N, C-alpha and C. Protein backbone atom coordinates (compact mmCIF):
# COMPACT_ATOMS: atom_id res chain seq x y z
N MET A 1 12.01 -4.54 4.28
CA MET A 1 12.75 -3.91 3.19
C MET A 1 13.33 -4.95 2.21
N ASP A 2 13.65 -6.15 2.72
CA ASP A 2 14.16 -7.19 1.83
C ASP A 2 13.08 -7.64 0.84
N LEU A 3 11.85 -7.72 1.32
CA LEU A 3 10.75 -8.15 0.47
C LEU A 3 10.55 -7.20 -0.70
N GLU A 4 10.72 -5.90 -0.47
CA GLU A 4 10.52 -4.92 -1.53
C GLU A 4 11.44 -5.15 -2.73
N GLU A 5 12.61 -5.74 -2.46
CA GLU A 5 13.58 -5.95 -3.54
C GLU A 5 13.13 -7.04 -4.52
N LEU A 6 12.33 -7.99 -4.05
CA LEU A 6 11.97 -9.12 -4.92
C LEU A 6 11.22 -8.69 -6.16
N PRO A 7 10.08 -7.95 -6.06
CA PRO A 7 9.41 -7.54 -7.29
C PRO A 7 10.17 -6.47 -8.07
N ARG A 8 11.06 -5.74 -7.42
CA ARG A 8 11.86 -4.75 -8.14
C ARG A 8 12.85 -5.42 -9.07
N TYR A 9 13.48 -6.48 -8.60
CA TYR A 9 14.51 -7.14 -9.39
C TYR A 9 14.00 -8.33 -10.18
N PHE A 10 12.87 -8.90 -9.76
CA PHE A 10 12.31 -10.06 -10.46
C PHE A 10 10.83 -9.85 -10.74
N PRO A 11 10.53 -8.89 -11.66
CA PRO A 11 9.14 -8.55 -11.93
C PRO A 11 8.46 -9.47 -12.93
N ASP A 12 9.21 -10.36 -13.59
CA ASP A 12 8.62 -11.26 -14.57
C ASP A 12 9.51 -12.49 -14.72
N GLY A 13 9.08 -13.43 -15.55
CA GLY A 13 9.81 -14.67 -15.75
C GLY A 13 8.94 -15.87 -15.39
N ASP A 14 9.53 -17.07 -15.47
CA ASP A 14 8.74 -18.26 -15.14
C ASP A 14 8.48 -18.39 -13.65
N VAL A 15 9.28 -17.70 -12.82
CA VAL A 15 8.96 -17.44 -11.42
C VAL A 15 9.28 -15.97 -11.18
N TYR A 16 8.33 -15.25 -10.60
CA TYR A 16 8.55 -13.82 -10.35
C TYR A 16 7.85 -13.43 -9.06
N ALA A 17 8.02 -12.19 -8.66
CA ALA A 17 7.50 -11.72 -7.37
C ALA A 17 6.52 -10.58 -7.59
N ILE A 18 5.50 -10.54 -6.73
CA ILE A 18 4.54 -9.43 -6.75
C ILE A 18 4.26 -9.00 -5.32
N GLU A 19 3.69 -7.81 -5.20
CA GLU A 19 3.20 -7.32 -3.91
C GLU A 19 1.72 -7.02 -4.06
N GLU A 20 0.91 -7.52 -3.15
CA GLU A 20 -0.53 -7.25 -3.14
C GLU A 20 -0.97 -6.96 -1.72
N ASN A 21 -1.51 -5.76 -1.51
CA ASN A 21 -2.05 -5.38 -0.21
C ASN A 21 -1.04 -5.57 0.92
N GLY A 22 0.20 -5.20 0.64
CA GLY A 22 1.23 -5.26 1.66
C GLY A 22 1.84 -6.63 1.88
N LYS A 23 1.41 -7.63 1.12
CA LYS A 23 2.01 -8.96 1.20
C LYS A 23 2.74 -9.26 -0.10
N PHE A 24 3.75 -10.13 0.01
CA PHE A 24 4.60 -10.42 -1.13
C PHE A 24 4.51 -11.91 -1.47
N TYR A 25 4.54 -12.20 -2.79
CA TYR A 25 4.33 -13.56 -3.26
C TYR A 25 5.29 -13.89 -4.40
N LEU A 26 5.64 -15.17 -4.48
CA LEU A 26 6.27 -15.72 -5.68
C LEU A 26 5.21 -16.49 -6.45
N LEU A 27 5.23 -16.38 -7.75
CA LEU A 27 4.30 -17.12 -8.59
C LEU A 27 4.92 -17.27 -9.97
N GLY A 28 4.23 -18.01 -10.84
CA GLY A 28 4.72 -18.17 -12.20
C GLY A 28 4.49 -19.55 -12.74
N SER A 29 4.70 -19.70 -14.03
CA SER A 29 4.40 -20.95 -14.73
C SER A 29 5.22 -22.12 -14.21
N ALA A 30 6.46 -21.86 -13.77
CA ALA A 30 7.30 -22.96 -13.27
C ALA A 30 6.74 -23.56 -11.99
N LEU A 31 6.00 -22.77 -11.22
CA LEU A 31 5.35 -23.29 -10.01
C LEU A 31 4.02 -23.94 -10.35
N GLU A 32 3.27 -23.34 -11.27
CA GLU A 32 1.96 -23.87 -11.64
C GLU A 32 2.06 -25.25 -12.28
N SER A 33 3.19 -25.55 -12.90
CA SER A 33 3.34 -26.83 -13.59
C SER A 33 3.61 -28.00 -12.65
N LEU A 34 3.87 -27.71 -11.37
CA LEU A 34 4.23 -28.77 -10.43
C LEU A 34 2.99 -29.41 -9.82
N ALA A 35 3.16 -30.66 -9.36
CA ALA A 35 1.99 -31.49 -9.05
C ALA A 35 1.41 -31.23 -7.67
N ASP A 36 2.24 -30.88 -6.68
CA ASP A 36 1.71 -30.78 -5.33
C ASP A 36 2.44 -29.69 -4.56
N ALA A 37 1.89 -29.38 -3.38
CA ALA A 37 2.41 -28.26 -2.59
C ALA A 37 3.85 -28.48 -2.16
N GLU A 38 4.23 -29.73 -1.88
CA GLU A 38 5.60 -30.00 -1.45
C GLU A 38 6.60 -29.68 -2.56
N ALA A 39 6.27 -30.09 -3.80
CA ALA A 39 7.15 -29.80 -4.92
C ALA A 39 7.20 -28.30 -5.21
N ILE A 40 6.06 -27.65 -5.08
CA ILE A 40 5.99 -26.21 -5.30
C ILE A 40 6.87 -25.48 -4.30
N ARG A 41 6.75 -25.86 -3.05
CA ARG A 41 7.53 -25.20 -2.01
C ARG A 41 9.02 -25.43 -2.20
N ALA A 42 9.41 -26.64 -2.61
CA ALA A 42 10.82 -26.94 -2.83
C ALA A 42 11.40 -26.08 -3.95
N GLU A 43 10.64 -25.96 -5.05
CA GLU A 43 11.12 -25.15 -6.16
C GLU A 43 11.14 -23.67 -5.78
N ALA A 44 10.13 -23.22 -5.03
CA ALA A 44 10.12 -21.82 -4.57
C ALA A 44 11.33 -21.53 -3.68
N ALA A 45 11.68 -22.49 -2.82
CA ALA A 45 12.84 -22.30 -1.94
C ALA A 45 14.12 -22.20 -2.76
N ARG A 46 14.24 -23.04 -3.78
CA ARG A 46 15.43 -22.99 -4.65
C ARG A 46 15.53 -21.65 -5.36
N ARG A 47 14.40 -21.18 -5.88
CA ARG A 47 14.41 -19.90 -6.59
C ARG A 47 14.68 -18.75 -5.63
N LEU A 48 14.10 -18.80 -4.45
CA LEU A 48 14.32 -17.73 -3.48
C LEU A 48 15.79 -17.63 -3.10
N ASP A 49 16.46 -18.78 -2.95
CA ASP A 49 17.90 -18.77 -2.69
C ASP A 49 18.65 -18.01 -3.79
N LEU A 50 18.34 -18.33 -5.05
CA LEU A 50 19.02 -17.69 -6.17
C LEU A 50 18.66 -16.22 -6.28
N PHE A 51 17.38 -15.89 -6.07
CA PHE A 51 16.97 -14.49 -6.11
C PHE A 51 17.74 -13.68 -5.06
N ALA A 52 17.77 -14.21 -3.84
CA ALA A 52 18.44 -13.50 -2.75
C ALA A 52 19.94 -13.37 -3.02
N ALA A 53 20.54 -14.42 -3.60
CA ALA A 53 21.97 -14.36 -3.91
C ALA A 53 22.26 -13.27 -4.93
N ALA A 54 21.46 -13.22 -6.00
CA ALA A 54 21.68 -12.22 -7.03
C ALA A 54 21.46 -10.81 -6.49
N ILE A 55 20.40 -10.62 -5.73
CA ILE A 55 20.12 -9.29 -5.17
C ILE A 55 21.22 -8.87 -4.21
N SER A 56 21.74 -9.80 -3.42
CA SER A 56 22.75 -9.45 -2.43
C SER A 56 24.07 -9.01 -3.08
N LEU A 57 24.30 -9.39 -4.34
CA LEU A 57 25.45 -8.87 -5.05
C LEU A 57 25.28 -7.38 -5.36
N LEU A 58 24.04 -6.97 -5.55
CA LEU A 58 23.74 -5.59 -5.92
C LEU A 58 23.43 -4.71 -4.72
N TRP A 59 22.85 -5.32 -3.70
CA TRP A 59 22.53 -4.60 -2.46
C TRP A 59 23.03 -5.47 -1.30
N THR A 60 24.17 -5.09 -0.73
CA THR A 60 24.87 -5.98 0.20
C THR A 60 24.14 -6.18 1.52
N SER A 61 23.17 -5.34 1.84
CA SER A 61 22.41 -5.50 3.08
C SER A 61 21.28 -6.53 2.96
N MET A 62 21.10 -7.10 1.80
CA MET A 62 20.01 -8.05 1.59
C MET A 62 20.10 -9.23 2.55
N ARG A 63 18.97 -9.54 3.20
CA ARG A 63 18.86 -10.74 4.00
C ARG A 63 17.76 -11.60 3.40
N LYS A 64 18.06 -12.86 3.21
CA LYS A 64 17.11 -13.73 2.51
C LYS A 64 15.81 -13.86 3.32
N PRO A 65 14.68 -13.54 2.70
CA PRO A 65 13.39 -13.75 3.38
C PRO A 65 13.10 -15.24 3.52
N ARG A 66 12.01 -15.55 4.23
CA ARG A 66 11.61 -16.94 4.38
C ARG A 66 10.27 -17.16 3.70
N LEU A 67 10.02 -18.40 3.35
CA LEU A 67 8.77 -18.75 2.69
C LEU A 67 7.66 -18.92 3.71
N GLY A 68 6.46 -18.51 3.32
CA GLY A 68 5.27 -18.76 4.11
C GLY A 68 4.46 -19.90 3.51
N ASN A 69 3.17 -19.65 3.27
CA ASN A 69 2.25 -20.70 2.83
C ASN A 69 2.16 -20.80 1.31
N VAL A 70 1.78 -21.98 0.85
CA VAL A 70 1.43 -22.20 -0.54
C VAL A 70 -0.06 -21.90 -0.69
N ILE A 71 -0.40 -21.05 -1.65
CA ILE A 71 -1.79 -20.63 -1.85
C ILE A 71 -2.18 -20.89 -3.30
N ARG A 72 -3.36 -21.46 -3.50
CA ARG A 72 -3.90 -21.66 -4.85
C ARG A 72 -5.15 -20.82 -5.02
N GLU A 73 -5.26 -20.11 -6.14
CA GLU A 73 -6.46 -19.36 -6.47
C GLU A 73 -7.11 -19.98 -7.69
N GLU A 74 -8.43 -20.10 -7.67
CA GLU A 74 -9.18 -20.58 -8.81
C GLU A 74 -9.98 -19.42 -9.37
N ASP A 75 -9.60 -18.95 -10.55
CA ASP A 75 -10.34 -17.86 -11.19
C ASP A 75 -10.47 -18.13 -12.68
N GLY A 76 -10.83 -19.35 -12.98
CA GLY A 76 -10.90 -19.77 -14.36
C GLY A 76 -9.63 -20.42 -14.84
N LYS A 77 -8.56 -20.27 -14.09
CA LYS A 77 -7.32 -20.97 -14.37
C LYS A 77 -6.59 -21.16 -13.05
N ARG A 78 -5.65 -22.06 -13.04
CA ARG A 78 -4.91 -22.34 -11.81
C ARG A 78 -3.79 -21.34 -11.63
N ARG A 79 -3.68 -20.78 -10.45
CA ARG A 79 -2.59 -19.86 -10.13
C ARG A 79 -2.02 -20.26 -8.78
N ILE A 80 -0.72 -20.38 -8.72
CA ILE A 80 -0.04 -20.77 -7.49
C ILE A 80 0.72 -19.57 -6.94
N PHE A 81 0.55 -19.29 -5.67
CA PHE A 81 1.28 -18.23 -4.99
C PHE A 81 2.05 -18.83 -3.82
N ILE A 82 3.25 -18.34 -3.61
CA ILE A 82 4.01 -18.67 -2.40
C ILE A 82 4.19 -17.37 -1.62
N GLU A 83 3.63 -17.32 -0.44
CA GLU A 83 3.81 -16.12 0.37
C GLU A 83 5.24 -16.07 0.89
N VAL A 84 5.82 -14.88 0.87
CA VAL A 84 7.18 -14.67 1.33
C VAL A 84 7.15 -13.70 2.50
N GLU A 85 7.86 -14.04 3.58
CA GLU A 85 7.82 -13.26 4.80
C GLU A 85 9.21 -12.69 5.10
N ASP A 86 9.23 -11.49 5.65
CA ASP A 86 10.50 -10.84 5.95
C ASP A 86 11.07 -11.36 7.25
N THR A 87 12.39 -11.21 7.40
CA THR A 87 13.04 -11.46 8.68
C THR A 87 13.06 -10.15 9.46
N VAL A 88 13.16 -10.23 10.76
CA VAL A 88 13.16 -9.03 11.60
C VAL A 88 14.43 -8.24 11.34
N SER A 89 14.29 -6.93 11.14
CA SER A 89 15.47 -6.11 10.91
C SER A 89 15.17 -4.68 11.34
N SER A 90 16.22 -3.93 11.58
CA SER A 90 16.08 -2.51 11.90
C SER A 90 17.15 -1.75 11.15
N ARG A 91 17.17 -1.95 9.84
CA ARG A 91 18.21 -1.35 9.01
C ARG A 91 17.64 -0.21 8.19
N SER A 92 18.52 0.68 7.75
CA SER A 92 18.12 1.72 6.82
C SER A 92 18.48 1.26 5.42
N LYS A 93 17.76 1.76 4.43
CA LYS A 93 18.00 1.35 3.05
C LYS A 93 18.60 2.50 2.27
N VAL A 94 19.63 2.17 1.50
CA VAL A 94 20.21 3.12 0.57
C VAL A 94 20.27 2.44 -0.78
N SER A 95 20.44 3.23 -1.83
CA SER A 95 20.50 2.66 -3.17
C SER A 95 21.73 1.78 -3.33
N ALA A 96 21.55 0.64 -4.00
CA ALA A 96 22.67 -0.25 -4.26
C ALA A 96 23.53 0.31 -5.38
N THR A 97 24.81 -0.05 -5.38
CA THR A 97 25.70 0.39 -6.45
C THR A 97 26.59 -0.75 -6.89
N ILE A 98 27.01 -0.70 -8.13
CA ILE A 98 28.03 -1.59 -8.66
C ILE A 98 29.10 -0.71 -9.28
N SER A 99 30.32 -0.88 -8.81
CA SER A 99 31.45 -0.11 -9.32
C SER A 99 31.16 1.38 -9.32
N GLY A 100 30.43 1.84 -8.29
CA GLY A 100 30.17 3.27 -8.14
C GLY A 100 28.99 3.78 -8.92
N SER A 101 28.33 2.96 -9.75
CA SER A 101 27.21 3.41 -10.56
C SER A 101 25.89 3.01 -9.91
N PRO A 102 24.89 3.91 -9.89
CA PRO A 102 23.61 3.54 -9.28
C PRO A 102 22.95 2.39 -10.04
N VAL A 103 22.38 1.46 -9.29
CA VAL A 103 21.61 0.37 -9.89
C VAL A 103 20.24 0.90 -10.26
N GLN A 104 19.73 0.56 -11.42
CA GLN A 104 18.41 0.97 -11.87
C GLN A 104 17.57 -0.27 -12.12
N PRO A 105 17.07 -0.91 -11.04
CA PRO A 105 16.37 -2.17 -11.20
C PRO A 105 15.11 -2.08 -12.03
N VAL A 106 14.51 -0.87 -12.12
CA VAL A 106 13.29 -0.73 -12.92
C VAL A 106 13.57 -0.96 -14.39
N GLN A 107 14.80 -0.95 -14.83
CA GLN A 107 15.13 -1.13 -16.23
C GLN A 107 15.39 -2.58 -16.60
N LYS A 108 15.00 -3.47 -15.79
CA LYS A 108 14.97 -4.92 -16.05
C LYS A 108 16.29 -5.52 -16.44
N THR A 109 16.70 -6.22 -15.61
CA THR A 109 17.19 -5.94 -14.28
C THR A 109 18.47 -6.69 -14.19
N GLN A 110 19.43 -6.15 -13.51
CA GLN A 110 20.73 -6.79 -13.41
C GLN A 110 20.64 -8.15 -12.72
N ALA A 111 19.79 -8.24 -11.74
CA ALA A 111 19.64 -9.52 -11.03
C ALA A 111 19.14 -10.61 -11.97
N GLN A 112 18.19 -10.27 -12.84
CA GLN A 112 17.71 -11.25 -13.81
C GLN A 112 18.81 -11.64 -14.80
N ASP A 113 19.62 -10.67 -15.21
CA ASP A 113 20.74 -10.98 -16.11
C ASP A 113 21.74 -11.93 -15.45
N ILE A 114 22.01 -11.70 -14.16
CA ILE A 114 22.95 -12.57 -13.43
C ILE A 114 22.45 -14.00 -13.43
N LEU A 115 21.16 -14.20 -13.11
CA LEU A 115 20.63 -15.56 -13.07
C LEU A 115 20.54 -16.19 -14.45
N ALA A 116 20.27 -15.38 -15.47
CA ALA A 116 20.22 -15.91 -16.83
C ALA A 116 21.58 -16.47 -17.24
N ARG A 117 22.64 -15.77 -16.88
CA ARG A 117 23.99 -16.27 -17.17
C ARG A 117 24.30 -17.51 -16.34
N ALA A 118 23.89 -17.49 -15.09
CA ALA A 118 24.16 -18.63 -14.21
C ALA A 118 23.43 -19.88 -14.70
N ASP A 119 22.26 -19.71 -15.29
CA ASP A 119 21.51 -20.86 -15.80
C ASP A 119 22.27 -21.61 -16.90
N LYS A 120 23.20 -20.93 -17.55
CA LYS A 120 23.96 -21.54 -18.64
C LYS A 120 25.24 -22.22 -18.17
N SER A 121 25.54 -22.12 -16.88
CA SER A 121 26.79 -22.66 -16.35
C SER A 121 26.55 -23.31 -15.00
N PRO A 122 26.77 -24.61 -14.87
CA PRO A 122 26.58 -25.25 -13.56
C PRO A 122 27.52 -24.68 -12.50
N HIS A 123 28.70 -24.22 -12.90
CA HIS A 123 29.64 -23.68 -11.92
C HIS A 123 29.18 -22.30 -11.42
N LEU A 124 28.65 -21.47 -12.31
CA LEU A 124 28.12 -20.18 -11.87
C LEU A 124 26.91 -20.37 -10.96
N LYS A 125 26.06 -21.31 -11.32
CA LYS A 125 24.87 -21.56 -10.50
C LYS A 125 25.29 -22.06 -9.12
N GLU A 126 26.28 -22.94 -9.08
CA GLU A 126 26.76 -23.46 -7.80
C GLU A 126 27.38 -22.34 -6.97
N ALA A 127 28.12 -21.45 -7.62
CA ALA A 127 28.72 -20.33 -6.91
C ALA A 127 27.64 -19.46 -6.27
N LEU A 128 26.56 -19.19 -7.00
CA LEU A 128 25.48 -18.37 -6.45
C LEU A 128 24.76 -19.08 -5.32
N GLN A 129 24.58 -20.39 -5.45
CA GLN A 129 23.90 -21.13 -4.39
C GLN A 129 24.70 -21.13 -3.10
N VAL A 130 26.03 -21.23 -3.21
CA VAL A 130 26.87 -21.14 -2.01
C VAL A 130 26.82 -19.72 -1.45
N TRP A 131 26.90 -18.73 -2.33
CA TRP A 131 26.85 -17.34 -1.90
C TRP A 131 25.52 -17.00 -1.22
N ALA A 132 24.44 -17.68 -1.60
CA ALA A 132 23.11 -17.38 -1.07
C ALA A 132 23.04 -17.58 0.44
N ASP A 133 23.84 -18.48 0.98
CA ASP A 133 23.84 -18.69 2.42
C ASP A 133 24.52 -17.50 3.09
N PRO A 134 23.85 -16.83 4.03
CA PRO A 134 24.46 -15.64 4.65
C PRO A 134 25.68 -15.94 5.49
N LEU A 135 25.93 -17.22 5.83
CA LEU A 135 27.14 -17.59 6.56
C LEU A 135 28.29 -17.70 5.58
N ARG A 136 28.97 -16.59 5.34
CA ARG A 136 30.04 -16.55 4.34
C ARG A 136 31.38 -16.68 5.03
N SER A 137 31.73 -17.90 5.33
CA SER A 137 32.99 -18.21 6.01
C SER A 137 34.11 -18.29 4.99
N TRP A 138 35.35 -18.39 5.48
CA TRP A 138 36.49 -18.53 4.57
C TRP A 138 36.34 -19.73 3.64
N PRO A 139 36.00 -20.93 4.13
CA PRO A 139 35.87 -22.06 3.21
C PRO A 139 34.80 -21.84 2.14
N ARG A 140 33.69 -21.21 2.52
CA ARG A 140 32.63 -20.99 1.53
C ARG A 140 33.03 -19.94 0.51
N LEU A 141 33.70 -18.90 0.95
CA LEU A 141 34.19 -17.91 -0.01
C LEU A 141 35.18 -18.53 -0.98
N TYR A 142 36.07 -19.38 -0.45
CA TYR A 142 37.04 -20.06 -1.32
C TYR A 142 36.31 -20.96 -2.31
N ARG A 143 35.27 -21.64 -1.85
CA ARG A 143 34.49 -22.51 -2.74
C ARG A 143 33.85 -21.70 -3.86
N VAL A 144 33.30 -20.54 -3.53
CA VAL A 144 32.71 -19.69 -4.57
C VAL A 144 33.76 -19.34 -5.62
N LEU A 145 34.94 -18.93 -5.16
CA LEU A 145 35.98 -18.54 -6.11
C LEU A 145 36.42 -19.72 -6.96
N GLU A 146 36.51 -20.90 -6.38
CA GLU A 146 36.87 -22.09 -7.15
C GLU A 146 35.83 -22.38 -8.23
N GLU A 147 34.56 -22.24 -7.90
CA GLU A 147 33.50 -22.47 -8.89
C GLU A 147 33.61 -21.45 -10.03
N LEU A 148 33.91 -20.21 -9.69
CA LEU A 148 34.09 -19.19 -10.74
C LEU A 148 35.26 -19.55 -11.65
N GLU A 149 36.34 -20.02 -11.07
CA GLU A 149 37.51 -20.35 -11.88
C GLU A 149 37.29 -21.62 -12.70
N ARG A 150 36.49 -22.55 -12.18
CA ARG A 150 36.12 -23.71 -13.00
C ARG A 150 35.29 -23.26 -14.20
N HIS A 151 34.40 -22.31 -13.99
CA HIS A 151 33.61 -21.76 -15.09
C HIS A 151 34.50 -21.09 -16.13
N LEU A 152 35.48 -20.30 -15.64
CA LEU A 152 36.35 -19.55 -16.55
C LEU A 152 37.37 -20.44 -17.24
N GLY A 153 37.75 -21.54 -16.58
CA GLY A 153 38.82 -22.36 -17.10
C GLY A 153 40.20 -21.80 -16.81
N GLN A 154 40.27 -20.80 -15.95
CA GLN A 154 41.54 -20.19 -15.55
C GLN A 154 41.29 -19.39 -14.28
N SER A 155 42.35 -18.92 -13.65
CA SER A 155 42.20 -18.16 -12.43
C SER A 155 41.64 -16.77 -12.74
N VAL A 156 41.03 -16.16 -11.73
CA VAL A 156 40.40 -14.86 -11.96
C VAL A 156 41.42 -13.78 -12.28
N ASP A 157 42.64 -13.90 -11.74
CA ASP A 157 43.65 -12.90 -12.07
C ASP A 157 44.12 -13.05 -13.50
N LYS A 158 44.31 -14.29 -13.97
CA LYS A 158 44.71 -14.49 -15.36
C LYS A 158 43.61 -14.08 -16.33
N ALA A 159 42.36 -14.16 -15.88
CA ALA A 159 41.23 -13.72 -16.71
C ALA A 159 41.07 -12.20 -16.71
N GLY A 160 41.87 -11.51 -15.88
CA GLY A 160 41.86 -10.06 -15.88
C GLY A 160 40.85 -9.41 -14.95
N PHE A 161 40.26 -10.20 -14.03
CA PHE A 161 39.25 -9.64 -13.14
C PHE A 161 39.85 -9.05 -11.86
N CYS A 162 41.10 -9.37 -11.56
CA CYS A 162 41.78 -8.80 -10.40
C CYS A 162 43.28 -8.94 -10.65
N SER A 163 44.07 -8.34 -9.78
CA SER A 163 45.52 -8.47 -9.89
C SER A 163 45.99 -9.78 -9.27
N ASN A 164 47.17 -10.21 -9.66
CA ASN A 164 47.76 -11.40 -9.06
C ASN A 164 47.97 -11.20 -7.57
N ASN A 165 48.35 -9.99 -7.17
CA ASN A 165 48.58 -9.71 -5.75
C ASN A 165 47.28 -9.84 -4.95
N GLU A 166 46.18 -9.35 -5.50
CA GLU A 166 44.90 -9.43 -4.79
C GLU A 166 44.44 -10.87 -4.65
N LYS A 167 44.59 -11.66 -5.72
CA LYS A 167 44.21 -13.07 -5.65
C LYS A 167 45.10 -13.80 -4.63
N GLU A 168 46.40 -13.51 -4.63
CA GLU A 168 47.30 -14.18 -3.71
C GLU A 168 47.00 -13.80 -2.26
N ARG A 169 46.66 -12.53 -2.02
CA ARG A 169 46.28 -12.11 -0.66
C ARG A 169 45.09 -12.92 -0.17
N PHE A 170 44.09 -13.09 -1.02
CA PHE A 170 42.90 -13.86 -0.63
C PHE A 170 43.27 -15.31 -0.37
N THR A 171 44.00 -15.93 -1.30
CA THR A 171 44.32 -17.35 -1.18
C THR A 171 45.16 -17.63 0.06
N ARG A 172 46.20 -16.85 0.27
CA ARG A 172 47.08 -17.08 1.42
C ARG A 172 46.38 -16.77 2.74
N SER A 173 45.49 -15.79 2.74
CA SER A 173 44.72 -15.50 3.95
C SER A 173 43.78 -16.64 4.29
N ALA A 174 43.11 -17.19 3.25
CA ALA A 174 42.18 -18.31 3.47
C ALA A 174 42.91 -19.56 3.93
N ASN A 175 44.13 -19.77 3.43
CA ASN A 175 44.88 -20.98 3.76
C ASN A 175 45.56 -20.91 5.13
N SER A 176 45.82 -19.71 5.61
CA SER A 176 46.61 -19.55 6.82
C SER A 176 45.74 -19.57 8.07
N ALA A 177 46.04 -20.49 8.97
CA ALA A 177 45.32 -20.55 10.24
C ALA A 177 45.60 -19.31 11.09
N HIS A 178 46.71 -18.65 10.84
CA HIS A 178 47.02 -17.42 11.56
C HIS A 178 46.01 -16.33 11.24
N VAL A 179 45.47 -16.35 10.02
CA VAL A 179 44.50 -15.33 9.58
C VAL A 179 43.07 -15.80 9.78
N SER A 180 42.76 -16.98 9.24
CA SER A 180 41.35 -17.42 9.19
C SER A 180 40.97 -18.34 10.35
N GLY A 181 41.89 -18.59 11.27
CA GLY A 181 41.55 -19.31 12.49
C GLY A 181 41.02 -20.71 12.23
N ILE A 182 39.93 -21.07 12.93
CA ILE A 182 39.39 -22.42 12.81
C ILE A 182 38.80 -22.68 11.43
N ASP A 183 38.58 -21.63 10.63
CA ASP A 183 38.08 -21.80 9.27
C ASP A 183 39.19 -21.95 8.25
N ALA A 184 40.44 -21.99 8.69
CA ALA A 184 41.56 -22.14 7.76
C ALA A 184 41.42 -23.44 6.98
N ARG A 185 41.86 -23.43 5.75
CA ARG A 185 41.74 -24.60 4.89
C ARG A 185 42.84 -25.61 5.15
N HIS A 186 43.87 -25.24 5.93
CA HIS A 186 44.99 -26.14 6.19
C HIS A 186 45.43 -26.04 7.64
N ALA A 187 46.26 -26.97 8.06
CA ALA A 187 46.73 -27.01 9.44
C ALA A 187 47.57 -25.78 9.77
N GLY A 188 47.57 -25.44 11.05
CA GLY A 188 48.36 -24.30 11.50
C GLY A 188 49.84 -24.46 11.18
N GLY A 189 50.44 -23.40 10.66
CA GLY A 189 51.85 -23.41 10.33
C GLY A 189 52.18 -23.94 8.96
N LYS A 190 51.20 -24.55 8.27
CA LYS A 190 51.49 -25.10 6.94
C LYS A 190 51.68 -24.00 5.91
N PHE A 191 50.89 -22.92 6.04
CA PHE A 191 51.01 -21.80 5.11
C PHE A 191 51.23 -20.52 5.91
N GLN A 192 52.20 -19.73 5.49
CA GLN A 192 52.45 -18.45 6.11
C GLN A 192 51.46 -17.41 5.58
N PRO A 193 51.00 -16.50 6.45
CA PRO A 193 50.07 -15.47 5.98
C PRO A 193 50.77 -14.47 5.09
N PRO A 194 50.03 -13.75 4.27
CA PRO A 194 50.65 -12.69 3.47
C PRO A 194 51.07 -11.53 4.36
N ALA A 195 51.89 -10.66 3.83
CA ALA A 195 52.36 -9.52 4.60
C ALA A 195 51.20 -8.61 5.01
N ASN A 196 50.17 -8.55 4.16
CA ASN A 196 49.00 -7.71 4.43
C ASN A 196 47.75 -8.58 4.31
N PRO A 197 47.42 -9.37 5.33
CA PRO A 197 46.31 -10.32 5.22
C PRO A 197 44.98 -9.61 4.98
N MET A 198 44.08 -10.32 4.31
CA MET A 198 42.71 -9.84 4.17
C MET A 198 41.92 -10.15 5.44
N THR A 199 41.05 -9.24 5.81
CA THR A 199 40.05 -9.57 6.82
C THR A 199 38.93 -10.35 6.15
N LEU A 200 38.08 -10.97 6.95
CA LEU A 200 36.95 -11.70 6.38
C LEU A 200 36.03 -10.75 5.62
N ARG A 201 35.85 -9.53 6.12
CA ARG A 201 35.02 -8.56 5.40
C ARG A 201 35.63 -8.22 4.05
N GLU A 202 36.95 -8.00 4.01
CA GLU A 202 37.61 -7.71 2.74
C GLU A 202 37.49 -8.90 1.79
N ALA A 203 37.63 -10.11 2.33
CA ALA A 203 37.53 -11.30 1.50
C ALA A 203 36.12 -11.44 0.92
N THR A 204 35.11 -11.16 1.74
CA THR A 204 33.73 -11.22 1.26
C THR A 204 33.50 -10.23 0.14
N ASP A 205 34.01 -9.02 0.30
CA ASP A 205 33.86 -8.00 -0.73
C ASP A 205 34.61 -8.39 -1.99
N PHE A 206 35.80 -8.98 -1.84
CA PHE A 206 36.57 -9.43 -3.00
C PHE A 206 35.81 -10.49 -3.79
N VAL A 207 35.27 -11.48 -3.10
CA VAL A 207 34.54 -12.55 -3.79
C VAL A 207 33.26 -12.01 -4.42
N ARG A 208 32.58 -11.10 -3.73
CA ARG A 208 31.40 -10.46 -4.32
C ARG A 208 31.75 -9.77 -5.63
N LYS A 209 32.85 -9.03 -5.65
CA LYS A 209 33.28 -8.34 -6.87
C LYS A 209 33.60 -9.33 -7.97
N MET A 210 34.22 -10.45 -7.62
CA MET A 210 34.53 -11.47 -8.63
C MET A 210 33.25 -12.09 -9.19
N LEU A 211 32.26 -12.34 -8.31
CA LEU A 211 30.98 -12.87 -8.78
C LEU A 211 30.31 -11.92 -9.76
N ILE A 212 30.27 -10.64 -9.42
CA ILE A 212 29.66 -9.66 -10.31
C ILE A 212 30.40 -9.60 -11.63
N ALA A 213 31.73 -9.55 -11.57
CA ALA A 213 32.52 -9.43 -12.78
C ALA A 213 32.33 -10.62 -13.71
N VAL A 214 32.37 -11.82 -13.15
CA VAL A 214 32.27 -13.03 -13.97
C VAL A 214 30.86 -13.19 -14.53
N THR A 215 29.83 -12.88 -13.75
CA THR A 215 28.46 -13.04 -14.25
C THR A 215 28.07 -11.91 -15.19
N GLN A 216 28.90 -10.91 -15.33
CA GLN A 216 28.61 -9.82 -16.29
C GLN A 216 29.54 -9.84 -17.49
N GLU A 217 30.40 -10.86 -17.57
CA GLU A 217 31.34 -10.87 -18.71
C GLU A 217 30.60 -11.16 -20.01
């Protein structure tokens, strides 16, 4: 099911995804321009990270697929394909939503818009690359938020993307060893937890919402 999302959200561009006979591939001019299979695979891996990060903002059940083989076809011109393989899963699929509205990926596409904006900002791109890793611990979530605020030049609450109370709940929860345990950003007892600490799930959802908001501004 993760593979199906790639051509839906990235149907064109200098790297894009297709499905042929039940198999899924990445291809495009950015891959064809590279000199050897190692360079092609490295660039495909970088793009797959970003694709999966953008899609996971829109469909939270997304799990990043893995790369298979590099394939070249000769049909009068050079074409490079990277086979993409799914991870084992037993999940059901429902339509993704943003702020309660159905996503319509066939209308080209929110995921492409997110990456287009990220391409213009090293901090947004870094935030997406950190988000792409499915291990979303407290330190990594905090890092994503810091990259977003570096991009904005101010805190997300001052930029109007959340309330001061919500930002403070996240920050104090991340800093407090009482809440975030071994992933706390500071020594035990240095920071007191908020009265209503965030869970890691709540923190992940908060950072996801901030990523969507900032990349859609």
